[in-house]
């Protein structure tokens, strides 16, 4: 009887596996910046709306017009989410610079961990809205 090598078949089947997606709306629930823990802002909410490869970020405060403050693209590469800001309503040092975040998706929480080009270490938590 011939031995079959299933390893190439395994890699072929894995190549058809769906890439993760962040489609939907996510709300910022806090983060850690250079070791300092911060909660979500009080009085307003930060949301990101994702499609298959883009996102738009909004500041939402009751009684005020919703403000789009950031936009960009993202792509998954293994355990990394590469985020590239393409628009920012305020001066930004990271516009058009790809930032590589280690990401985890657990239940309805997205965690992004990485180091910004400025050297700041970040860990952000976003909860998927229903």
Protein backbone atom coordinates (compact mmCIF):
# COMPACT_ATOMS: atom_id res chain seq x y z
CA UNK A 1 0.00 0.00 0.00
CA UNK A 2 1.31 3.47 -0.92
CA UNK A 3 1.70 6.14 1.71
CA UNK A 4 0.00 9.36 0.77
CA UNK A 5 1.43 12.70 1.74
CA UNK A 6 -1.48 14.82 2.99
CA UNK A 7 0.64 17.84 3.93
CA UNK A 8 0.34 19.60 0.52
CA UNK A 9 -3.44 18.97 0.56
CA UNK A 10 -3.64 20.49 4.06
CA UNK A 11 -1.91 23.69 2.89
CA UNK A 12 -4.11 23.92 -0.20
CA UNK A 13 -7.27 23.58 1.91
CA UNK A 14 -6.00 26.15 4.44
CA UNK A 15 -5.37 28.65 1.66
CA UNK A 16 -9.13 28.71 1.00
CA UNK A 17 -9.93 29.48 4.64
CA UNK A 18 -11.82 32.75 5.04
CA UNK A 19 -9.78 35.66 6.30
CA UNK A 20 -11.12 37.26 9.46
CA UNK A 21 -13.18 40.38 9.04
CA UNK A 22 -14.13 43.17 11.37
CA UNK A 23 -17.33 44.04 9.47
CA UNK A 24 -19.71 45.95 11.69
CA UNK A 25 -19.54 48.68 14.30
CA UNK A 26 -17.15 48.56 17.23
CA UNK A 27 -17.02 50.80 20.31
CA UNK A 28 -13.83 51.76 22.11
CA UNK A 29 -13.96 50.50 25.71
CA UNK A 30 -10.47 51.37 26.94
CA UNK A 31 -6.79 50.80 26.47
CA UNK A 32 -3.29 50.78 27.89
CA UNK A 33 -0.85 53.38 26.59
CA UNK A 34 2.83 53.02 27.57
CA UNK A 35 1.68 50.98 30.55
CA UNK A 36 -0.95 53.48 31.70
CA UNK A 37 -4.52 52.13 31.74
CA UNK A 38 -7.26 54.41 30.40
CA UNK A 39 -10.98 53.80 30.23
CA UNK A 40 -13.36 54.85 27.50
CA UNK A 41 -13.97 58.60 27.34
CA UNK A 42 -16.78 59.95 29.49
CA UNK A 43 -19.54 61.98 27.84
CA UNK A 44 -19.01 60.65 24.33
CA UNK A 45 -18.33 57.40 22.50
CA UNK A 46 -15.76 56.40 19.90
CA UNK A 47 -17.00 54.05 17.20
CA UNK A 48 -15.32 52.40 14.25
CA UNK A 49 -17.40 51.14 11.34
CA UNK A 50 -15.60 48.45 9.36
CA UNK A 51 -16.34 46.93 5.97
CA UNK A 52 -14.20 44.18 4.44
CA UNK A 53 -11.04 46.35 4.16
CA UNK A 54 -11.88 49.92 5.29
CA UNK A 55 -12.90 51.67 8.48
CA UNK A 56 -14.31 55.05 9.47
CA UNK A 57 -13.99 56.29 13.04
CA UNK A 58 -16.55 58.57 14.67
CA UNK A 59 -16.88 60.57 17.88
CA UNK A 60 -20.50 60.49 19.04
CA UNK A 61 -21.83 62.87 21.66
CA UNK A 62 -25.48 63.35 22.51
CA UNK A 63 -26.77 66.73 21.33
CA UNK A 64 -23.92 67.18 18.82
CA UNK A 65 -23.38 66.20 15.21
CA UNK A 66 -21.42 62.94 14.86
CA UNK A 67 -17.86 63.72 13.81
CA UNK A 68 -15.79 61.52 11.51
CA UNK A 69 -12.29 61.88 12.92
CA UNK A 70 -10.35 59.09 11.20
CA UNK A 71 -10.51 56.64 8.31
CA UNK A 72 -8.25 53.96 6.94
CA UNK A 73 -7.72 50.47 5.62
CA UNK A 74 -6.84 47.19 7.30
CA UNK A 75 -5.65 43.77 6.26
CA UNK A 76 -4.89 40.59 8.18
CA UNK A 77 -1.53 38.84 7.81
CA UNK A 78 -1.40 35.81 10.09
CA UNK A 79 -1.82 37.01 13.68
CA UNK A 80 -1.25 40.64 12.64
CA UNK A 81 -3.72 43.32 11.62
CA UNK A 82 -2.04 45.98 9.47
CA UNK A 83 -3.88 49.28 9.91
CA UNK A 84 -3.16 52.27 7.67
CA UNK A 85 -4.76 55.58 8.56
CA UNK A 86 -5.68 57.43 5.35
CA UNK A 87 -7.55 60.38 6.88
CA UNK A 88 -7.39 62.20 10.20
CA UNK A 89 -9.33 65.34 11.11
CA UNK A 90 -6.40 66.55 13.23
CA UNK A 91 -2.65 66.63 12.54
CA UNK A 92 -1.32 63.07 12.71
CA UNK A 93 2.14 61.52 12.53
CA UNK A 94 0.79 58.15 11.38
CA UNK A 95 -1.26 59.03 8.26
CA UNK A 96 -0.29 56.65 5.41
CA UNK A 97 2.06 54.67 7.67
CA UNK A 98 1.10 50.98 8.06
CA UNK A 99 0.98 49.96 11.72
CA UNK A 100 1.25 46.28 12.59
CA UNK A 101 -0.91 45.21 15.53
CA UNK A 102 -1.10 41.77 17.08
CA UNK A 103 -4.82 41.18 17.31
CA UNK A 104 -7.17 38.86 19.10
CA UNK A 105 -10.87 38.41 18.51
CA UNK A 106 -12.53 36.81 21.50
CA UNK A 107 -16.32 36.69 21.66
CA UNK A 108 -17.33 40.30 20.94
CA UNK A 109 -14.01 41.95 21.89
CA UNK A 110 -11.21 43.02 19.56
CA UNK A 111 -7.82 43.64 21.16
CA UNK A 112 -5.10 45.46 19.22
CA UNK A 113 -1.51 45.47 20.59
CA UNK A 114 1.36 47.26 18.94
CA UNK A 115 3.94 50.00 18.91
CA UNK A 116 3.29 53.24 17.07
CA UNK A 117 6.05 54.88 14.98
CA UNK A 118 6.41 57.39 17.84
CA UNK A 119 7.47 54.50 20.11
CA UNK A 120 4.23 54.50 22.11
CA UNK A 121 3.12 50.99 23.09
CA UNK A 122 -0.64 50.60 22.78
CA UNK A 123 -3.21 47.99 23.69
CA UNK A 124 -6.77 48.92 22.74
CA UNK A 125 -10.06 47.18 23.43
CA UNK A 126 -13.05 47.48 21.10
CA UNK A 127 -16.41 45.81 21.73
CA UNK A 128 -18.64 44.80 18.82
CA UNK A 129 -22.01 46.51 18.94
CA UNK A 130 -25.12 44.44 18.29
